[in-house]
Amino acid sequence: MIAYIYRRKRKVEGRLELQRTYRGRFRVQGDDLRDVSLDTPDKQVAQSRLRERIQEREWEVAGLTAPASERQAVAKATLVHLTDFLADLKVDAMRPFLTARASTTKNRKEAVIPLHPSLAQELRGAKGELTEDP
C-alpha cells in the first residue's frame, strides 16, 4: 500500500506557491493510484482523513460495506467502554488531556496524554451523552 499527503505546488505570477490545503495519494491492493482532496490546512487532520479514505477503500475491495449508521453505532459502543475512563478524561481543560493511571501503564508511571482539539470536541459531546443517560 502506498499512502502519503502533500501540498500541490503551482505557479502564480511566475513564482511557486504551495496550495493551502493538503491532498492525498494512495493505492490499495493493486488499485490505480488515487488522488484525493483532503480539504484542510491541518496536517494531522489530513492524515486522519486519508486513513479514513484508505479504510473505506479497503472495505470496498474486500467486498464489505459499512454504512455511516453502522460506523456510528460501533463508535458509540466503543465510547460506552470509555465510561471507565471518564474520571481520567479532561476534555473541558484549556488544553484537553487524558491521564493514564500508574496502575494501567506498562512502566507503572502516571502519564498525561494531550488530545487533539477535534477529538476533544467529539469526546466532550460523547461524555455529555453518556453522563445524561440514566
N, C-alpha and C. Protein backbone atom coordinates (compact mmCIF):
# COMPACT_ATOMS: atom_id res chain seq x y z
N MET A 1 0.85 -1.18 0.00
CA MET A 1 0.00 0.00 0.00
C MET A 1 0.89 1.24 0.00
N ILE A 2 0.55 2.18 -0.81
CA ILE A 2 1.24 3.46 -0.88
C ILE A 2 0.27 4.51 -0.35
N ALA A 3 0.74 5.38 0.53
CA ALA A 3 -0.12 6.45 1.02
C ALA A 3 0.74 7.61 1.51
N TYR A 4 0.43 8.80 1.07
CA TYR A 4 1.11 9.99 1.58
C TYR A 4 0.26 11.22 1.33
N ILE A 5 0.58 12.28 2.07
CA ILE A 5 -0.11 13.55 1.86
C ILE A 5 0.91 14.56 1.35
N TYR A 6 0.40 15.56 0.65
CA TYR A 6 1.29 16.57 0.10
C TYR A 6 0.51 17.85 -0.14
N ARG A 7 1.25 18.91 -0.39
CA ARG A 7 0.63 20.16 -0.81
C ARG A 7 1.06 20.41 -2.26
N ARG A 8 0.11 20.71 -3.09
CA ARG A 8 0.38 20.91 -4.51
C ARG A 8 1.09 22.25 -4.72
N LYS A 9 2.10 22.23 -5.57
CA LYS A 9 2.79 23.46 -5.94
C LYS A 9 2.16 23.99 -7.22
N ARG A 10 2.04 25.29 -7.30
CA ARG A 10 1.51 25.90 -8.52
C ARG A 10 2.22 27.23 -8.76
N LYS A 11 2.24 27.65 -10.01
CA LYS A 11 2.87 28.91 -10.36
C LYS A 11 1.84 30.03 -10.33
N VAL A 12 2.18 31.09 -9.62
CA VAL A 12 1.33 32.27 -9.56
C VAL A 12 2.22 33.46 -9.89
N GLU A 13 1.91 34.12 -11.01
CA GLU A 13 2.68 35.28 -11.45
C GLU A 13 4.18 34.99 -11.50
N GLY A 14 4.54 33.82 -12.02
CA GLY A 14 5.94 33.48 -12.21
C GLY A 14 6.66 32.93 -10.99
N ARG A 15 5.99 32.80 -9.84
CA ARG A 15 6.65 32.24 -8.66
C ARG A 15 5.87 31.02 -8.17
N LEU A 16 6.56 30.12 -7.50
CA LEU A 16 5.91 28.91 -6.99
C LEU A 16 5.22 29.19 -5.66
N GLU A 17 4.01 28.69 -5.51
CA GLU A 17 3.29 28.79 -4.25
C GLU A 17 2.75 27.42 -3.89
N LEU A 18 2.69 27.14 -2.59
CA LEU A 18 2.09 25.89 -2.13
C LEU A 18 0.60 26.10 -1.95
N GLN A 19 -0.17 25.09 -2.33
CA GLN A 19 -1.61 25.13 -2.12
C GLN A 19 -1.87 25.11 -0.61
N ARG A 20 -2.88 25.79 -0.14
CA ARG A 20 -3.12 25.90 1.29
C ARG A 20 -3.68 24.62 1.91
N THR A 21 -4.38 23.82 1.15
CA THR A 21 -4.96 22.60 1.71
C THR A 21 -4.16 21.38 1.26
N TYR A 22 -4.22 20.34 2.07
CA TYR A 22 -3.49 19.11 1.77
C TYR A 22 -4.27 18.24 0.80
N ARG A 23 -3.51 17.46 0.04
CA ARG A 23 -4.07 16.46 -0.85
C ARG A 23 -3.46 15.13 -0.44
N GLY A 24 -4.10 14.04 -0.83
CA GLY A 24 -3.59 12.72 -0.51
C GLY A 24 -3.47 11.87 -1.76
N ARG A 25 -2.60 10.90 -1.67
CA ARG A 25 -2.44 9.96 -2.78
C ARG A 25 -2.29 8.58 -2.16
N PHE A 26 -3.04 7.60 -2.68
CA PHE A 26 -2.92 6.26 -2.12
C PHE A 26 -3.26 5.19 -3.14
N ARG A 27 -2.78 4.00 -2.87
CA ARG A 27 -3.07 2.82 -3.68
C ARG A 27 -3.35 1.68 -2.72
N VAL A 28 -4.43 0.95 -2.95
CA VAL A 28 -4.81 -0.18 -2.10
C VAL A 28 -4.93 -1.43 -2.96
N GLN A 29 -4.19 -2.46 -2.62
CA GLN A 29 -4.29 -3.80 -3.24
C GLN A 29 -4.47 -3.77 -4.75
N GLY A 30 -3.48 -3.24 -5.45
CA GLY A 30 -3.49 -3.27 -6.90
C GLY A 30 -4.36 -2.23 -7.58
N ASP A 31 -4.98 -1.33 -6.83
CA ASP A 31 -5.74 -0.23 -7.43
C ASP A 31 -4.81 0.69 -8.21
N ASP A 32 -5.40 1.54 -9.02
CA ASP A 32 -4.64 2.62 -9.61
C ASP A 32 -4.35 3.63 -8.50
N LEU A 33 -3.33 4.42 -8.69
CA LEU A 33 -3.00 5.46 -7.72
C LEU A 33 -4.13 6.48 -7.70
N ARG A 34 -4.66 6.79 -6.52
CA ARG A 34 -5.79 7.72 -6.39
C ARG A 34 -5.33 9.02 -5.75
N ASP A 35 -5.78 10.13 -6.30
CA ASP A 35 -5.56 11.44 -5.72
C ASP A 35 -6.87 11.90 -5.09
N VAL A 36 -6.80 12.37 -3.85
CA VAL A 36 -8.00 12.87 -3.17
C VAL A 36 -7.69 14.20 -2.52
N SER A 37 -8.67 15.09 -2.51
CA SER A 37 -8.53 16.36 -1.82
C SER A 37 -8.94 16.14 -0.37
N LEU A 38 -8.12 16.58 0.58
CA LEU A 38 -8.42 16.38 2.00
C LEU A 38 -8.99 17.65 2.64
N ASP A 39 -9.01 18.73 1.90
CA ASP A 39 -9.68 19.99 2.27
C ASP A 39 -9.43 20.45 3.69
N THR A 40 -8.17 20.48 4.11
CA THR A 40 -7.84 21.00 5.43
C THR A 40 -6.40 21.51 5.42
N PRO A 41 -6.14 22.62 6.12
CA PRO A 41 -4.77 23.11 6.22
C PRO A 41 -4.00 22.43 7.36
N ASP A 42 -4.68 21.61 8.17
CA ASP A 42 -4.06 20.95 9.32
C ASP A 42 -3.54 19.57 8.90
N LYS A 43 -2.24 19.35 9.09
CA LYS A 43 -1.61 18.11 8.63
C LYS A 43 -2.15 16.88 9.37
N GLN A 44 -2.37 16.97 10.68
CA GLN A 44 -2.87 15.83 11.45
C GLN A 44 -4.29 15.45 11.00
N VAL A 45 -5.12 16.43 10.76
CA VAL A 45 -6.48 16.16 10.29
C VAL A 45 -6.42 15.53 8.91
N ALA A 46 -5.51 16.03 8.06
CA ALA A 46 -5.36 15.47 6.71
C ALA A 46 -4.94 14.01 6.78
N GLN A 47 -4.01 13.68 7.70
CA GLN A 47 -3.57 12.30 7.84
C GLN A 47 -4.72 11.40 8.28
N SER A 48 -5.53 11.88 9.22
CA SER A 48 -6.65 11.05 9.69
C SER A 48 -7.69 10.88 8.58
N ARG A 49 -7.95 11.93 7.80
CA ARG A 49 -8.91 11.82 6.69
C ARG A 49 -8.40 10.84 5.63
N LEU A 50 -7.09 10.88 5.37
CA LEU A 50 -6.52 9.95 4.38
C LEU A 50 -6.64 8.52 4.89
N ARG A 51 -6.39 8.29 6.19
CA ARG A 51 -6.56 6.94 6.76
C ARG A 51 -8.00 6.47 6.62
N GLU A 52 -8.97 7.38 6.84
CA GLU A 52 -10.38 7.02 6.69
C GLU A 52 -10.70 6.61 5.25
N ARG A 53 -10.18 7.40 4.29
CA ARG A 53 -10.41 7.07 2.88
C ARG A 53 -9.81 5.73 2.52
N ILE A 54 -8.61 5.45 3.04
CA ILE A 54 -7.94 4.18 2.76
C ILE A 54 -8.75 3.03 3.36
N GLN A 55 -9.23 3.21 4.60
CA GLN A 55 -10.01 2.17 5.25
C GLN A 55 -11.30 1.90 4.47
N GLU A 56 -11.98 2.96 4.02
CA GLU A 56 -13.19 2.78 3.23
C GLU A 56 -12.90 2.02 1.96
N ARG A 57 -11.78 2.34 1.28
CA ARG A 57 -11.42 1.65 0.04
C ARG A 57 -11.06 0.19 0.31
N GLU A 58 -10.38 -0.08 1.43
CA GLU A 58 -10.06 -1.46 1.79
C GLU A 58 -11.33 -2.27 2.01
N TRP A 59 -12.33 -1.64 2.63
CA TRP A 59 -13.62 -2.32 2.85
C TRP A 59 -14.27 -2.63 1.50
N GLU A 60 -14.23 -1.66 0.57
CA GLU A 60 -14.83 -1.87 -0.75
C GLU A 60 -14.14 -3.01 -1.48
N VAL A 61 -12.80 -3.01 -1.46
CA VAL A 61 -12.03 -4.05 -2.15
C VAL A 61 -12.34 -5.42 -1.56
N ALA A 62 -12.53 -5.48 -0.24
CA ALA A 62 -12.83 -6.75 0.43
C ALA A 62 -14.28 -7.17 0.23
N GLY A 63 -15.09 -6.30 -0.38
CA GLY A 63 -16.50 -6.64 -0.62
C GLY A 63 -17.37 -6.37 0.59
N LEU A 64 -16.88 -5.64 1.55
CA LEU A 64 -17.65 -5.32 2.75
C LEU A 64 -18.21 -3.91 2.62
N THR A 65 -19.32 -3.66 3.27
CA THR A 65 -19.86 -2.32 3.30
C THR A 65 -20.11 -1.95 4.75
N ALA A 66 -19.80 -0.73 5.06
CA ALA A 66 -20.05 -0.23 6.41
C ALA A 66 -20.73 1.12 6.29
N PRO A 67 -22.06 1.14 6.25
CA PRO A 67 -22.76 2.42 6.16
C PRO A 67 -22.41 3.31 7.36
N ALA A 68 -22.60 4.58 7.16
CA ALA A 68 -22.27 5.55 8.22
C ALA A 68 -23.00 5.23 9.51
N SER A 69 -24.25 4.76 9.43
CA SER A 69 -25.01 4.46 10.65
C SER A 69 -24.35 3.32 11.43
N GLU A 70 -23.84 2.31 10.70
CA GLU A 70 -23.15 1.20 11.39
C GLU A 70 -21.86 1.69 12.04
N ARG A 71 -21.12 2.54 11.32
CA ARG A 71 -19.87 3.07 11.88
C ARG A 71 -20.16 3.90 13.13
N GLN A 72 -21.25 4.67 13.10
CA GLN A 72 -21.62 5.46 14.27
C GLN A 72 -22.01 4.56 15.43
N ALA A 73 -22.70 3.46 15.15
CA ALA A 73 -23.09 2.53 16.20
C ALA A 73 -21.87 1.90 16.85
N VAL A 74 -20.90 1.53 16.03
CA VAL A 74 -19.65 0.95 16.56
C VAL A 74 -18.91 2.00 17.39
N ALA A 75 -18.87 3.23 16.89
CA ALA A 75 -18.19 4.29 17.63
C ALA A 75 -18.88 4.53 18.97
N LYS A 76 -20.21 4.51 18.98
CA LYS A 76 -20.95 4.72 20.23
C LYS A 76 -20.70 3.57 21.20
N ALA A 77 -20.63 2.35 20.69
CA ALA A 77 -20.36 1.19 21.56
C ALA A 77 -18.97 1.29 22.18
N THR A 78 -18.01 1.76 21.40
CA THR A 78 -16.66 1.90 21.97
C THR A 78 -16.62 3.04 22.98
N LEU A 79 -17.45 4.05 22.78
CA LEU A 79 -17.50 5.15 23.75
C LEU A 79 -18.08 4.68 25.08
N VAL A 80 -18.96 3.70 25.04
CA VAL A 80 -19.51 3.16 26.27
C VAL A 80 -18.39 2.57 27.11
N HIS A 81 -17.42 1.95 26.43
CA HIS A 81 -16.27 1.38 27.16
C HIS A 81 -15.40 2.48 27.77
N LEU A 82 -15.54 3.70 27.28
CA LEU A 82 -14.76 4.80 27.83
C LEU A 82 -15.32 5.30 29.16
N THR A 83 -16.48 4.83 29.55
CA THR A 83 -17.06 5.31 30.81
C THR A 83 -16.14 5.03 32.00
N ASP A 84 -15.33 3.97 31.90
CA ASP A 84 -14.37 3.69 32.96
C ASP A 84 -13.32 4.79 33.07
N PHE A 85 -13.09 5.47 31.97
CA PHE A 85 -12.03 6.47 31.92
C PHE A 85 -12.52 7.90 32.06
N LEU A 86 -13.82 8.09 32.31
CA LEU A 86 -14.35 9.45 32.36
C LEU A 86 -13.66 10.31 33.41
N ALA A 87 -13.28 9.70 34.50
CA ALA A 87 -12.61 10.47 35.54
C ALA A 87 -11.23 10.92 35.08
N ASP A 88 -10.61 10.16 34.19
CA ASP A 88 -9.26 10.48 33.71
C ASP A 88 -9.28 11.37 32.48
N LEU A 89 -10.44 11.63 31.92
CA LEU A 89 -10.57 12.40 30.70
C LEU A 89 -10.89 13.84 31.05
N LYS A 90 -10.01 14.75 30.69
CA LYS A 90 -10.20 16.18 30.97
C LYS A 90 -10.38 16.92 29.65
N VAL A 91 -11.61 16.88 29.12
CA VAL A 91 -11.88 17.50 27.82
C VAL A 91 -12.30 18.96 27.94
N ASP A 92 -12.61 19.41 29.16
CA ASP A 92 -13.02 20.79 29.34
C ASP A 92 -11.87 21.70 29.74
N ALA A 93 -10.67 21.17 29.85
CA ALA A 93 -9.49 21.97 30.22
C ALA A 93 -9.09 22.85 29.04
N MET A 94 -8.24 23.85 29.32
CA MET A 94 -7.75 24.74 28.27
C MET A 94 -7.06 23.93 27.18
N ARG A 95 -6.23 22.97 27.58
CA ARG A 95 -5.59 22.03 26.66
C ARG A 95 -6.04 20.63 27.08
N PRO A 96 -7.00 20.06 26.39
CA PRO A 96 -7.59 18.77 26.79
C PRO A 96 -6.53 17.66 26.88
N PHE A 97 -6.71 16.76 27.86
CA PHE A 97 -5.76 15.68 28.05
C PHE A 97 -6.42 14.48 28.69
N LEU A 98 -5.73 13.36 28.63
CA LEU A 98 -6.14 12.12 29.27
C LEU A 98 -5.04 11.73 30.22
N THR A 99 -5.39 11.39 31.45
CA THR A 99 -4.40 10.94 32.42
C THR A 99 -4.42 9.42 32.46
N ALA A 100 -3.27 8.81 32.19
CA ALA A 100 -3.15 7.35 32.28
C ALA A 100 -2.65 7.02 33.67
N ARG A 101 -3.43 6.25 34.41
CA ARG A 101 -3.05 5.90 35.78
C ARG A 101 -1.82 5.01 35.81
N ALA A 102 -1.04 5.15 36.86
CA ALA A 102 0.18 4.35 37.00
C ALA A 102 -0.14 2.85 37.01
N SER A 103 -1.29 2.48 37.55
CA SER A 103 -1.65 1.06 37.63
C SER A 103 -1.96 0.45 36.26
N THR A 104 -2.22 1.30 35.26
CA THR A 104 -2.56 0.78 33.93
C THR A 104 -1.43 0.92 32.92
N THR A 105 -0.37 1.64 33.26
CA THR A 105 0.72 1.82 32.30
C THR A 105 1.78 0.74 32.45
N LYS A 106 2.49 0.49 31.39
CA LYS A 106 3.49 -0.57 31.37
C LYS A 106 4.66 -0.27 32.32
N ASN A 107 5.07 1.02 32.36
CA ASN A 107 6.21 1.37 33.22
C ASN A 107 5.79 1.79 34.63
N ARG A 108 4.50 1.63 34.94
CA ARG A 108 3.95 1.94 36.28
C ARG A 108 4.16 3.40 36.70
N LYS A 109 4.16 4.29 35.70
CA LYS A 109 4.25 5.73 35.98
C LYS A 109 3.04 6.41 35.37
N GLU A 110 2.49 7.39 36.07
CA GLU A 110 1.36 8.13 35.55
C GLU A 110 1.81 8.92 34.32
N ALA A 111 0.95 9.00 33.30
CA ALA A 111 1.27 9.73 32.07
C ALA A 111 0.12 10.66 31.72
N VAL A 112 0.47 11.82 31.19
CA VAL A 112 -0.53 12.78 30.72
C VAL A 112 -0.43 12.81 29.20
N ILE A 113 -1.54 12.50 28.54
CA ILE A 113 -1.57 12.40 27.08
C ILE A 113 -2.43 13.53 26.52
N PRO A 114 -1.84 14.47 25.77
CA PRO A 114 -2.64 15.56 25.19
C PRO A 114 -3.56 15.03 24.11
N LEU A 115 -4.72 15.65 23.98
CA LEU A 115 -5.72 15.25 22.99
C LEU A 115 -5.81 16.29 21.88
N HIS A 116 -6.02 15.83 20.66
CA HIS A 116 -6.23 16.73 19.53
C HIS A 116 -7.55 17.47 19.76
N PRO A 117 -7.62 18.77 19.44
CA PRO A 117 -8.85 19.53 19.70
C PRO A 117 -10.11 18.93 19.08
N SER A 118 -10.02 18.39 17.86
CA SER A 118 -11.23 17.81 17.25
C SER A 118 -11.66 16.55 17.99
N LEU A 119 -10.70 15.75 18.46
CA LEU A 119 -11.03 14.56 19.25
C LEU A 119 -11.65 14.98 20.58
N ALA A 120 -11.09 16.02 21.20
CA ALA A 120 -11.63 16.51 22.47
C ALA A 120 -13.07 16.97 22.31
N GLN A 121 -13.37 17.62 21.18
CA GLN A 121 -14.73 18.09 20.93
C GLN A 121 -15.70 16.91 20.81
N GLU A 122 -15.29 15.87 20.06
CA GLU A 122 -16.13 14.68 19.92
C GLU A 122 -16.33 13.99 21.27
N LEU A 123 -15.27 13.87 22.04
CA LEU A 123 -15.36 13.22 23.34
C LEU A 123 -16.21 14.03 24.31
N ARG A 124 -16.13 15.35 24.20
CA ARG A 124 -16.94 16.22 25.06
C ARG A 124 -18.42 15.95 24.81
N GLY A 125 -18.81 15.84 23.53
CA GLY A 125 -20.20 15.54 23.20
C GLY A 125 -20.60 14.15 23.67
N ALA A 126 -19.70 13.18 23.46
CA ALA A 126 -19.99 11.80 23.87
C ALA A 126 -20.06 11.69 25.38
N LYS A 127 -19.18 12.41 26.07
CA LYS A 127 -19.17 12.37 27.53
C LYS A 127 -20.49 12.93 28.07
N GLY A 128 -20.98 14.00 27.43
CA GLY A 128 -22.27 14.58 27.83
C GLY A 128 -23.41 13.60 27.62
N GLU A 129 -23.40 12.88 26.48
CA GLU A 129 -24.45 11.90 26.21
C GLU A 129 -24.40 10.75 27.20
N LEU A 130 -23.20 10.30 27.53
CA LEU A 130 -23.07 9.16 28.43
C LEU A 130 -23.47 9.49 29.86
N THR A 131 -23.16 10.71 30.30
CA THR A 131 -23.49 11.08 31.67
C THR A 131 -24.96 11.44 31.83
N GLU A 132 -25.65 11.82 30.74
CA GLU A 132 -27.07 12.16 30.81
C GLU A 132 -27.95 10.92 30.87
N ASP A 133 -27.47 9.78 30.31
CA ASP A 133 -28.27 8.56 30.33
C ASP A 133 -28.48 8.08 31.75
N PRO A 134 -29.72 7.64 32.11
CA PRO A 134 -29.96 7.16 33.49
C PRO A 134 -29.38 5.79 33.74
